[in-house]
N, C-alpha and C. Protein backbone atom coordinates (compact mmCIF):
# COMPACT_ATOMS: atom_id res chain seq x y z
N MET A 1 0.86 -1.14 0.01
CA MET A 1 0.11 -0.18 -0.08
C MET A 1 0.93 1.09 -0.30
N SER A 2 1.94 1.17 0.94
CA SER A 2 2.69 2.44 0.98
C SER A 2 3.60 2.61 -0.35
N ASN A 3 3.97 1.46 -1.27
CA ASN A 3 4.51 1.45 -2.45
C ASN A 3 3.66 2.26 -3.49
N ILE A 4 2.37 2.10 -3.36
CA ILE A 4 1.37 2.69 -4.32
C ILE A 4 1.25 4.34 -4.07
N VAL A 5 1.01 4.41 -2.92
CA VAL A 5 1.12 5.86 -2.49
C VAL A 5 2.32 6.70 -2.78
N ILE A 6 3.33 6.24 -2.76
CA ILE A 6 5.05 6.71 -2.85
C ILE A 6 4.72 6.68 -4.54
N ALA A 7 4.48 5.74 -5.33
CA ALA A 7 4.26 5.79 -6.65
C ALA A 7 3.70 6.96 -7.23
N LEU A 8 2.30 7.21 -6.59
CA LEU A 8 1.50 8.06 -7.02
C LEU A 8 1.68 9.30 -6.69
N LEU A 9 2.69 9.71 -5.49
CA LEU A 9 3.38 11.06 -5.19
C LEU A 9 4.13 11.34 -6.26
N LEU A 10 5.20 10.20 -6.50
CA LEU A 10 6.24 10.48 -7.37
C LEU A 10 5.76 10.95 -8.82
N VAL A 11 4.47 10.16 -9.49
CA VAL A 11 4.04 10.49 -10.69
C VAL A 11 3.30 11.83 -10.51
N GLY A 12 2.70 12.24 -9.66
CA GLY A 12 2.31 13.66 -9.39
C GLY A 12 3.19 14.67 -9.27
N LEU A 13 4.49 14.30 -8.83
CA LEU A 13 5.52 15.29 -8.73
C LEU A 13 6.25 15.53 -10.15
N ILE A 14 6.07 14.52 -10.96
CA ILE A 14 6.78 14.52 -12.30
C ILE A 14 5.67 15.54 -13.28
N PHE A 15 4.44 14.99 -12.96
CA PHE A 15 3.06 15.84 -13.71
C PHE A 15 3.38 17.34 -13.58
N SER A 16 3.40 17.83 -12.25
CA SER A 16 3.30 19.16 -11.60
C SER A 16 4.97 19.91 -12.12
N HIS A 17 5.88 19.00 -12.28
CA HIS A 17 7.31 19.65 -12.68
C HIS A 17 7.07 19.71 -14.47
N VAL A 18 6.42 18.88 -15.12
CA VAL A 18 6.30 19.13 -16.38
C VAL A 18 5.29 20.39 -16.70
N ALA A 19 4.22 20.31 -15.81
CA ALA A 19 3.27 21.27 -16.32
C ALA A 19 3.83 22.86 -16.01
N ARG A 20 4.69 22.93 -14.78
CA ARG A 20 5.24 24.29 -14.51
C ARG A 20 6.04 24.68 -15.63
N LYS A 21 7.15 23.44 -16.08
CA LYS A 21 7.93 23.81 -17.01
C LYS A 21 7.04 24.57 -18.16
N LYS A 22 6.02 23.81 -18.65
CA LYS A 22 5.13 24.47 -19.86
C LYS A 22 4.62 25.77 -19.49
N VAL A 23 4.19 26.20 -18.46
CA VAL A 23 3.52 27.42 -18.10
C VAL A 23 4.79 28.47 -18.34
N LEU A 24 5.99 28.10 -17.78
CA LEU A 24 7.03 29.04 -17.42
C LEU A 24 7.46 29.36 -19.26
N LYS A 25 7.33 28.29 -19.92
CA LYS A 25 8.17 28.26 -21.22
C LYS A 25 6.90 29.31 -22.19
N LYS A 26 5.49 29.15 -21.69
CA LYS A 26 4.37 30.10 -22.35
C LYS A 26 4.83 31.33 -21.90
N LYS A 27 4.89 31.55 -20.41
CA LYS A 27 5.13 32.82 -20.04
C LYS A 27 6.37 33.62 -20.77
N ASN A 28 7.51 32.88 -20.95
CA ASN A 28 8.94 33.41 -21.49
C ASN A 28 8.37 33.66 -22.83
N ILE A 29 7.56 32.95 -23.67
CA ILE A 29 7.42 33.12 -24.87
C ILE A 29 6.67 34.37 -25.12
N ARG A 30 5.33 34.79 -24.17
CA ARG A 30 4.82 35.98 -24.14
C ARG A 30 5.61 36.92 -23.75
N GLU A 31 6.66 36.97 -23.06
CA GLU A 31 7.30 37.92 -22.73
C GLU A 31 8.57 38.32 -23.96
N ASN A 32 8.75 37.55 -24.45
CA ASN A 32 9.65 37.66 -25.76
C ASN A 32 8.85 38.43 -26.68
N HIS A 33 7.64 37.99 -27.06
CA HIS A 33 6.76 38.65 -27.86
C HIS A 33 6.57 40.22 -27.61
N ASN A 34 6.42 40.36 -26.43
CA ASN A 34 5.92 41.71 -25.73
C ASN A 34 7.40 42.48 -25.99
N LEU A 35 8.84 42.07 -25.72
CA LEU A 35 9.89 42.87 -25.90
C LEU A 35 10.03 43.02 -27.31
N TYR A 36 9.75 41.96 -28.31
CA TYR A 36 9.57 42.08 -29.68
C TYR A 36 8.97 43.50 -30.24
N ASN A 37 7.70 43.50 -29.92
CA ASN A 37 6.70 44.53 -30.12
C ASN A 37 7.33 45.74 -29.52
N ASN A 38 7.65 45.84 -28.36
CA ASN A 38 8.47 47.01 -27.66
C ASN A 38 9.60 47.68 -28.79
N ASP A 39 10.39 46.66 -28.88
CA ASP A 39 11.52 47.09 -29.88
C ASP A 39 11.01 47.68 -31.39
N TYR A 40 10.00 47.16 -31.77
CA TYR A 40 9.47 47.52 -32.89
C TYR A 40 8.88 48.80 -32.93
N GLU A 41 8.02 48.96 -31.79
CA GLU A 41 7.59 50.36 -31.41
C GLU A 41 8.59 51.40 -31.15
N ILE A 42 9.62 51.15 -30.43
CA ILE A 42 10.87 51.89 -30.38
C ILE A 42 11.51 52.43 -31.98
N MET A 43 11.60 51.33 -32.46
CA MET A 43 12.13 51.62 -33.90
C MET A 43 11.21 52.76 -34.71
N GLN A 44 10.10 52.54 -34.80
CA GLN A 44 9.14 53.17 -35.47
C GLN A 44 9.17 54.72 -34.79
N LEU A 45 9.26 54.74 -33.35
CA LEU A 45 9.22 56.05 -32.78
C LEU A 45 10.61 56.74 -33.30
N ASN A 46 11.55 56.18 -33.28
CA ASN A 46 13.18 56.80 -33.79
C ASN A 46 12.77 57.29 -34.93
N LYS A 47 12.16 56.56 -36.06
CA LYS A 47 12.08 57.00 -37.37
C LYS A 47 11.16 58.34 -37.26
N GLN A 48 10.41 58.42 -36.56
CA GLN A 48 9.45 59.52 -36.38
C GLN A 48 10.11 60.62 -36.08
N LEU A 49 10.91 60.32 -34.80
CA LEU A 49 11.85 61.44 -34.48
C LEU A 49 12.94 62.17 -35.24
N GLU A 50 13.29 61.31 -36.28
CA GLU A 50 14.20 61.58 -37.10
C GLU A 50 13.42 62.69 -38.43
N GLU A 51 12.49 62.18 -38.50
CA GLU A 51 11.70 62.94 -39.48
C GLU A 51 11.49 64.33 -39.22
N LEU A 52 10.87 64.27 -37.67
CA LEU A 52 10.60 65.68 -37.08
C LEU A 52 11.98 66.54 -36.97
N LYS A 53 12.87 65.85 -36.57
CA LYS A 53 14.46 66.57 -36.66
C LYS A 53 14.22 67.32 -37.93
N ASN A 54 14.31 66.44 -38.98
CA ASN A 54 14.73 67.03 -40.32
C ASN A 54 13.57 68.35 -40.68
N ASN A 55 12.60 68.06 -40.04
CA ASN A 55 11.45 68.97 -40.36
C ASN A 55 12.00 70.46 -39.75
N ILE A 56 12.41 70.10 -38.59
CA ILE A 56 12.65 71.39 -37.59
C ILE A 56 13.68 72.12 -38.32
N ASP A 57 14.77 71.34 -39.06
CA ASP A 57 15.95 71.82 -39.35
C ASP A 57 15.71 72.71 -40.63
N GLU A 58 14.72 72.28 -41.34
CA GLU A 58 14.36 72.82 -42.62
C GLU A 58 13.46 74.01 -42.34
N ILE A 59 12.60 74.05 -41.36
CA ILE A 59 11.98 75.11 -40.80
C ILE A 59 13.03 75.97 -40.26
N ARG A 60 14.14 75.59 -39.43
CA ARG A 60 14.81 76.68 -38.98
C ARG A 60 15.70 77.41 -40.05
N GLU A 61 16.08 76.58 -40.95
CA GLU A 61 16.83 77.38 -42.04
C GLU A 61 16.02 78.45 -42.98
N GLU A 62 14.70 78.05 -42.79
CA GLU A 62 13.77 78.87 -43.45
C GLU A 62 13.84 80.36 -42.69
N VAL A 63 13.46 80.08 -41.50
CA VAL A 63 13.44 81.11 -40.51
C VAL A 63 14.47 82.13 -40.57
N VAL A 64 15.90 81.32 -40.41
CA VAL A 64 17.25 82.04 -40.68
C VAL A 64 17.19 82.85 -41.77
N LYS A 65 16.85 82.31 -43.01
CA LYS A 65 17.01 83.01 -44.05
C LYS A 65 16.06 84.17 -44.32
N SER A 66 15.00 84.07 -43.65
CA SER A 66 14.02 85.26 -43.65
C SER A 66 14.72 86.28 -42.82
N LYS A 67 15.27 86.00 -41.47
CA LYS A 67 15.74 86.77 -40.65
C LYS A 67 16.80 87.82 -41.29
N ILE A 68 17.78 86.94 -41.95
CA ILE A 68 18.75 87.49 -42.67
C ILE A 68 18.48 88.52 -43.70
N LYS A 69 17.33 88.21 -44.55
CA LYS A 69 16.73 89.07 -45.70
C LYS A 69 16.35 90.14 -44.69
N ASP A 70 15.60 90.15 -43.60
CA ASP A 70 15.11 91.46 -42.86
C ASP A 70 15.92 91.93 -42.53
N LYS A 71 17.48 91.63 -41.46
CA LYS A 71 18.28 92.04 -40.87
C LYS A 71 19.11 92.89 -42.12
N HIS A 72 19.36 92.30 -43.19
CA HIS A 72 20.30 92.97 -44.15
C HIS A 72 19.50 94.15 -44.69
N LYS A 73 18.21 94.38 -44.72
CA LYS A 73 17.27 95.78 -44.75
C LYS A 73 17.79 96.73 -43.65
N ASN A 74 17.81 96.17 -42.43
CA ASN A 74 17.91 96.82 -41.09
C ASN A 74 19.25 97.32 -40.61
N GLY A 75 20.29 96.40 -41.09
CA GLY A 75 21.58 96.62 -40.31
C GLY A 75 22.39 95.13 -40.32
N VAL A 76 23.12 95.17 -39.62
CA VAL A 76 24.28 93.86 -39.93
C VAL A 76 23.86 93.04 -38.97
N SER A 77 24.03 91.79 -39.64
CA SER A 77 23.69 90.35 -39.06
C SER A 77 24.81 89.47 -39.10
N SER A 78 24.60 88.31 -38.43
CA SER A 78 25.73 87.41 -38.52
C SER A 78 25.17 85.92 -38.53
N LEU A 79 25.70 85.09 -39.48
CA LEU A 79 25.16 83.92 -39.97
C LEU A 79 26.37 82.72 -39.72
N ASN A 80 26.18 81.58 -38.60
CA ASN A 80 27.11 80.75 -38.37
C ASN A 80 26.46 79.28 -38.69
N ARG A 81 27.23 78.33 -38.76
CA ARG A 81 26.92 76.98 -39.21
C ARG A 81 27.09 76.11 -37.88
N ARG A 82 26.08 75.39 -37.46
CA ARG A 82 26.49 74.56 -36.58
C ARG A 82 27.08 73.05 -36.97
N LYS A 83 27.79 72.31 -35.91
CA LYS A 83 28.35 71.10 -36.45
C LYS A 83 27.60 70.12 -37.27
N ASP A 84 26.20 70.31 -37.09
CA ASP A 84 25.53 69.45 -38.04
C ASP A 84 25.32 70.09 -39.19
N ASN A 85 25.56 71.00 -39.55
CA ASN A 85 25.80 71.97 -40.67
C ASN A 85 24.10 72.50 -40.95
N SER A 86 23.51 72.75 -39.83
CA SER A 86 22.35 73.55 -40.06
C SER A 86 22.62 75.25 -39.79
N LEU A 87 21.92 76.19 -40.25
CA LEU A 87 22.15 77.20 -40.14
C LEU A 87 21.82 78.25 -38.74
N VAL A 88 22.43 79.00 -38.33
CA VAL A 88 22.14 79.55 -36.86
C VAL A 88 22.27 80.96 -37.16
N TYR A 89 21.29 81.92 -36.90
CA TYR A 89 21.19 83.26 -36.87
C TYR A 89 21.36 83.71 -35.30
N LEU A 90 22.50 84.74 -35.53
CA LEU A 90 22.91 85.32 -34.14
C LEU A 90 22.35 86.88 -34.12
N GLU A 91 21.76 87.12 -32.98
CA GLU A 91 21.27 88.61 -33.01
C GLU A 91 22.58 89.33 -32.90
N PRO A 92 22.87 90.74 -33.33
CA PRO A 92 24.53 91.48 -33.28
C PRO A 92 24.51 91.05 -31.64
N TYR A 93 23.82 91.51 -30.58
CA TYR A 93 24.28 91.48 -29.37
C TYR A 93 24.69 89.99 -28.88
N GLU A 94 23.87 88.94 -29.30
CA GLU A 94 24.32 87.44 -29.09
C GLU A 94 25.73 87.44 -29.66
N ASP A 95 25.82 88.08 -30.76
CA ASP A 95 27.33 87.89 -31.43
C ASP A 95 28.38 88.49 -30.62
N GLU A 96 28.22 89.71 -29.99
CA GLU A 96 29.37 90.23 -29.05
C GLU A 96 29.46 89.61 -27.87
N ARG A 97 28.75 88.85 -27.33
CA ARG A 97 28.97 87.94 -26.18
C ARG A 97 29.54 86.89 -26.38
N LEU A 98 29.39 86.32 -27.57
CA LEU A 98 30.12 85.16 -27.89
C LEU A 98 31.71 85.60 -28.04
N TRP A 99 31.81 86.33 -28.72
CA TRP A 99 33.50 86.97 -28.80
C TRP A 99 34.15 87.63 -28.04
N ALA A 100 33.20 88.22 -26.72
CA ALA A 100 33.84 88.77 -25.69
C ALA A 100 34.47 88.05 -24.86
């Protein structure tokens, strides 16, 4: 009788161990799928961010060019380029502070 009980406990232990492994495997698959989705979303957001940066640079250059035209009518202006090659307009007093 005790041998049967021991055998049943051993079989139950094996089944619970197998079931636990399956549950953990499914959970791991779900987590990996979520991580993949998050990576894809991050990649899409990075693309959108680059597009917005490009749009901002284009708008900034247009504004700088219009300010230059206005300043050439009114007085002296200064135009510099940033490291990323975008135009930067400096007001005359800003220009003086940079060189002081």
